[in-house]
Amino acid sequence: MSFRYDILTLFPGLFEGFLQESLIGKARDNELLSVEMHNWRLFAQDKHSKVDDAPFGGGAGLVLKADVLARGLDAVRAAQPEPTPTVLLTPAGRPLNQQIIESWSKGPGLTLICGRYEGFDARFEASVDERISLGDYVLNGGEVAAMAIIEATARMRPGVIGNAASLGARTGTAAGGESHRAGLLEYPQYTRPRIWRGQSVPDVLLSGDHAQIAAWRQRAAQDRTRRYRPDLWHRHIQGEQSEEQ
């Protein structure tokens, strides 16, 4: 069954190249994914297709109008074969992580709401199921966040990644999956040439001993996480301690 994305945005053209290239484009060609673009301006009712207005109380910029937003979301929901989670992309959302992505990827699709300018009229926010943020920084709009969510969820769907083993499994060890799927960064990877600028590939990776390779990769993933992402390592240790209790 095709995984459906409904994208509400003022700038659907920003998605054109992204949706046509690489694995996303192939998955759409193979009908593993479907993407429906919806321009907010189509739901405005004045002759100028006005979707925003000045904020009450004064201030810089423009605010997206609640009536236009609600009209658009209602139309999208009415056209969906089955309901999908409605996600507002906003700095006020909870931070996106791999666990959220995996949960979404098991459903029928997503409705992604992209803002612009000074954001949404706050009264519209009660219409959505969830608020999500990519992190503690500011973008011009929600389109880049929507693309990140599309790519992250799409690659979890059956058939999208050519070699499903690349995704690994939720085994509790980094040797069984890619970064974040077991609470750790992925182990370091190497390929030819064997020696480059005086640096050699670790001997164990050339040994052919799969048990030793798996053990090395697990240790290397732990070391890499501890060194580069101490915050992630701390959460990983806390999770292991909770499981032991």
Protein backbone atom coordinates (compact mmCIF):
# COMPACT_ATOMS: atom_id res chain seq x y z
CA MET A 1 0.00 0.00 0.00
CA SER A 2 1.30 3.45 -0.93
CA PHE A 3 2.30 5.77 1.93
CA ARG A 4 0.58 9.12 1.36
CA TYR A 5 1.98 12.56 2.13
CA ASP A 6 -0.24 15.64 2.00
CA ILE A 7 1.83 18.83 2.08
CA LEU A 8 0.20 22.21 2.76
CA THR A 9 2.56 25.03 1.77
CA LEU A 10 2.79 28.43 0.13
CA PHE A 11 5.71 27.25 -2.01
CA PRO A 12 5.05 23.83 -3.58
CA GLY A 13 7.78 24.49 -6.16
CA LEU A 14 10.43 24.07 -3.47
CA PHE A 15 9.67 20.34 -3.41
CA GLU A 16 9.98 19.62 -7.14
CA GLY A 17 13.60 18.49 -7.38
CA PHE A 18 13.52 16.77 -4.01
CA LEU A 19 10.52 14.63 -4.97
CA GLN A 20 11.89 13.66 -8.39
CA GLU A 21 15.43 12.59 -7.52
CA SER A 22 17.10 9.57 -5.93
CA LEU A 23 15.19 7.07 -3.78
CA ILE A 24 12.17 9.32 -3.22
CA GLY A 25 11.66 9.73 -6.95
CA LYS A 26 12.06 5.99 -7.57
CA ALA A 27 9.65 5.14 -4.75
CA ARG A 28 7.04 7.45 -6.25
CA ASP A 29 7.55 5.92 -9.70
CA ASN A 30 7.03 2.48 -8.14
CA GLU A 31 3.91 3.72 -6.32
CA LEU A 32 5.41 3.02 -2.90
CA LEU A 33 4.86 6.66 -1.97
CA SER A 34 2.38 9.29 -3.10
CA VAL A 35 2.72 13.02 -2.51
CA GLU A 36 -0.13 15.50 -2.82
CA MET A 37 0.83 19.19 -2.81
CA HIS A 38 -1.69 21.79 -1.63
CA ASN A 39 -1.08 25.51 -2.03
CA TRP A 40 -2.55 27.58 0.80
CA ARG A 41 -3.54 30.30 -1.70
CA LEU A 42 -6.10 28.02 -3.32
CA PHE A 43 -8.13 28.20 -0.11
CA ALA A 44 -8.24 32.00 0.13
CA GLN A 45 -11.58 33.53 -0.82
CA ASP A 46 -10.71 37.10 -1.76
CA LYS A 47 -9.70 38.24 -5.24
CA HIS A 48 -6.06 38.67 -4.20
CA SER A 49 -5.77 35.13 -2.72
CA LYS A 50 -4.68 36.67 0.56
CA VAL A 51 -3.48 34.12 3.11
CA ASP A 52 -1.92 36.40 5.75
CA ASP A 53 -2.49 39.64 7.61
CA ALA A 54 -0.87 41.96 10.14
CA PRO A 55 -0.76 40.70 13.75
CA PHE A 56 -3.19 42.10 16.30
CA GLY A 57 -1.31 44.13 18.88
CA GLY A 58 1.24 45.27 16.33
CA GLY A 59 4.63 43.90 15.45
CA ALA A 60 6.72 42.99 12.45
CA GLY A 61 5.73 40.60 9.70
CA LEU A 62 2.52 38.85 8.74
CA VAL A 63 0.57 35.98 10.28
CA LEU A 64 -1.09 33.15 8.33
CA LYS A 65 -4.88 33.45 8.68
CA ALA A 66 -6.74 30.81 10.70
CA ASP A 67 -9.77 30.73 8.39
CA VAL A 68 -7.65 30.04 5.29
CA LEU A 69 -5.58 27.40 7.07
CA ALA A 70 -8.64 25.61 8.45
CA ARG A 71 -10.36 25.66 5.07
CA GLY A 72 -7.31 24.07 3.47
CA LEU A 73 -6.86 21.42 6.14
CA ASP A 74 -10.56 20.52 6.06
CA ALA A 75 -10.39 20.05 2.27
CA VAL A 76 -7.30 17.86 2.52
CA ARG A 77 -8.82 15.68 5.21
CA ALA A 78 -12.02 15.26 3.23
CA ALA A 79 -10.06 13.99 0.21
CA GLN A 80 -7.92 11.45 2.09
CA PRO A 81 -8.77 7.74 1.66
CA GLU A 82 -8.08 7.34 5.38
CA PRO A 83 -7.05 9.83 8.07
CA THR A 84 -3.36 10.53 8.60
CA PRO A 85 -1.65 12.35 11.49
CA THR A 86 -1.67 16.12 11.00
CA VAL A 87 1.73 17.58 11.90
CA LEU A 88 2.34 21.29 12.41
CA LEU A 89 5.98 22.20 11.73
CA THR A 90 6.84 24.82 14.32
CA PRO A 91 9.61 25.86 16.76
CA ALA A 92 7.05 25.17 19.51
CA GLY A 93 6.97 21.46 18.64
CA ARG A 94 8.67 18.56 20.36
CA PRO A 95 12.07 17.71 18.83
CA LEU A 96 11.95 15.16 16.04
CA ASN A 97 13.74 11.86 16.68
CA GLN A 98 14.06 8.40 15.16
CA GLN A 99 11.43 6.89 17.45
CA ILE A 100 8.81 9.35 16.18
CA ILE A 101 9.84 8.65 12.58
CA GLU A 102 9.52 4.88 13.03
CA SER A 103 6.10 5.24 14.63
CA TRP A 104 4.81 7.42 11.78
CA SER A 105 6.27 5.14 9.11
CA LYS A 106 4.01 2.29 10.26
CA GLY A 107 0.85 4.27 9.49
CA PRO A 108 -0.96 5.17 6.26
CA GLY A 109 0.72 8.55 5.76
CA LEU A 110 1.26 12.07 7.08
CA THR A 111 -0.25 15.51 6.63
CA LEU A 112 2.53 18.10 6.96
CA ILE A 113 1.67 21.75 7.54
CA CYS A 114 4.32 24.27 6.50
CA GLY A 115 4.22 27.80 7.86
CA ARG A 116 5.88 31.00 6.66
CA TYR A 117 6.41 34.59 7.79
CA GLU A 118 5.54 35.07 11.48
CA GLY A 119 3.79 31.72 11.69
CA PHE A 120 0.21 30.60 12.23
CA ASP A 121 -2.72 32.29 13.92
CA ALA A 122 -2.60 30.52 17.30
CA ARG A 123 -6.28 29.60 17.09
CA PHE A 124 -5.53 27.22 14.21
CA GLU A 125 -3.13 25.12 16.27
CA ALA A 126 -5.98 23.29 18.01
CA SER A 127 -6.84 21.74 14.62
CA VAL A 128 -3.66 19.62 14.40
CA ASP A 129 -2.65 16.34 16.00
CA GLU A 130 0.96 17.13 16.75
CA ARG A 131 3.59 19.89 16.75
CA ILE A 132 7.12 19.01 15.62
CA SER A 133 10.40 20.94 15.52
CA LEU A 134 13.67 19.97 13.80
CA GLY A 135 15.68 21.69 16.50
CA ASP A 136 16.46 24.90 18.32
CA TYR A 137 17.11 27.15 15.34
CA VAL A 138 14.96 29.18 12.95
CA LEU A 139 14.16 28.42 9.30
CA ASN A 140 12.28 30.60 6.82
CA GLY A 141 9.41 28.12 6.74
CA GLY A 142 8.36 24.54 7.29
CA GLU A 143 9.29 23.20 3.85
CA VAL A 144 12.81 22.02 4.75
CA ALA A 145 11.43 20.32 7.86
CA ALA A 146 8.76 18.63 5.74
CA MET A 147 11.41 17.30 3.35
CA ALA A 148 13.42 15.92 6.26
CA ILE A 149 10.34 14.11 7.57
CA ILE A 150 9.46 12.75 4.12
CA GLU A 151 12.95 11.34 3.61
CA ALA A 152 13.24 9.91 7.12
CA THR A 153 9.85 8.17 7.05
CA ALA A 154 10.01 7.07 3.41
CA ARG A 155 13.25 5.16 3.89
CA MET A 156 11.58 3.11 6.63
CA ARG A 157 8.85 1.91 4.27
CA PRO A 158 9.17 -1.56 2.68
CA GLY A 159 10.82 -1.50 -0.73
CA VAL A 160 12.09 2.09 -0.63
CA ILE A 161 15.65 1.20 0.38
CA GLY A 162 17.10 -1.25 -2.13
CA ASN A 163 19.08 -3.16 0.49
CA ALA A 164 16.84 -3.45 3.54
CA ALA A 165 19.83 -4.67 5.57
CA SER A 166 21.12 -1.09 5.42
CA LEU A 167 18.43 -0.16 7.91
CA GLY A 168 19.54 -2.85 10.33
CA ALA A 169 17.26 -4.11 13.04
CA ARG A 170 16.27 -2.89 16.45
CA THR A 171 18.58 -5.35 18.16
CA GLY A 172 19.77 -3.14 20.99
CA THR A 173 23.27 -3.02 19.50
CA ALA A 174 24.75 -0.55 17.07
CA ALA A 175 26.19 -3.49 15.14
CA GLY A 176 22.63 -4.37 14.16
CA GLY A 177 21.52 -1.03 12.78
CA GLU A 178 22.30 2.51 11.70
CA SER A 179 22.70 5.60 13.86
CA HIS A 180 19.98 6.27 16.47
CA ARG A 181 18.09 3.00 15.93
CA ALA A 182 19.69 1.44 19.01
CA GLY A 183 20.34 4.67 20.90
CA LEU A 184 23.92 4.91 19.59
CA LEU A 185 25.72 6.38 16.62
CA GLU A 186 26.66 3.88 13.95
CA TYR A 187 30.15 2.38 14.03
CA PRO A 188 32.77 3.96 11.69
CA GLN A 189 32.83 2.63 8.12
CA TYR A 190 35.82 2.00 5.82
CA THR A 191 36.36 1.05 2.18
CA ARG A 192 39.23 0.89 -0.34
CA PRO A 193 42.06 1.82 -0.40
CA ARG A 194 43.21 -0.20 2.59
CA ILE A 195 45.85 2.40 3.48
CA TRP A 196 45.17 6.09 2.84
CA ARG A 197 47.51 8.92 3.89
CA GLY A 198 49.24 6.60 6.31
CA GLN A 199 46.00 5.48 7.95
CA SER A 200 45.13 1.79 7.75
CA VAL A 201 41.77 0.07 8.01
CA PRO A 202 41.47 -1.77 11.38
CA ASP A 203 42.82 -5.31 10.97
CA VAL A 204 39.75 -6.91 12.52
CA LEU A 205 37.60 -5.76 9.57
CA LEU A 206 39.84 -7.74 7.23
CA SER A 207 39.91 -10.87 9.39
CA GLY A 208 36.74 -12.52 8.08
CA ASP A 209 35.77 -13.36 11.69
CA HIS A 210 32.18 -12.12 11.84
CA ALA A 211 31.86 -12.47 15.61
CA GLN A 212 34.98 -10.39 16.20
CA ILE A 213 33.84 -7.82 13.64
CA ALA A 214 30.44 -7.50 15.35
CA ALA A 215 32.10 -7.08 18.75
CA TRP A 216 34.50 -4.46 17.38
CA ARG A 217 31.65 -2.55 15.76
CA GLN A 218 29.68 -2.51 19.00
CA ARG A 219 32.65 -1.15 20.95
CA ALA A 220 33.42 1.38 18.21
CA ALA A 221 29.80 2.59 18.18
CA GLN A 222 29.90 3.11 21.92
CA ASP A 223 33.23 4.96 21.73
CA ARG A 224 32.01 7.13 18.85
CA THR A 225 28.80 8.05 20.67
CA ARG A 226 30.63 8.80 23.92
CA ARG A 227 33.11 11.04 22.07
CA TYR A 228 30.89 12.93 19.63
CA ARG A 229 27.43 12.83 21.25
CA PRO A 230 27.78 12.72 25.05
CA ASP A 231 24.11 13.72 25.35
CA LEU A 232 23.06 10.66 23.35
CA TRP A 233 25.43 8.45 25.32
CA HIS A 234 23.94 9.67 28.60
CA ARG A 235 20.41 8.82 27.42
CA HIS A 236 21.62 5.42 26.21
CA ILE A 237 23.13 4.60 29.62
CA GLN A 238 19.99 5.77 31.39
CA GLY A 239 17.88 3.55 29.13
CA GLU A 240 20.03 0.50 29.87
CA GLN A 241 19.82 1.15 33.60
CA SER A 242 16.03 1.46 33.41
CA GLU A 243 15.77 -1.89 31.60
CA GLU A 244 17.87 -3.57 34.29
CA GLN A 245 15.62 -2.33 37.11
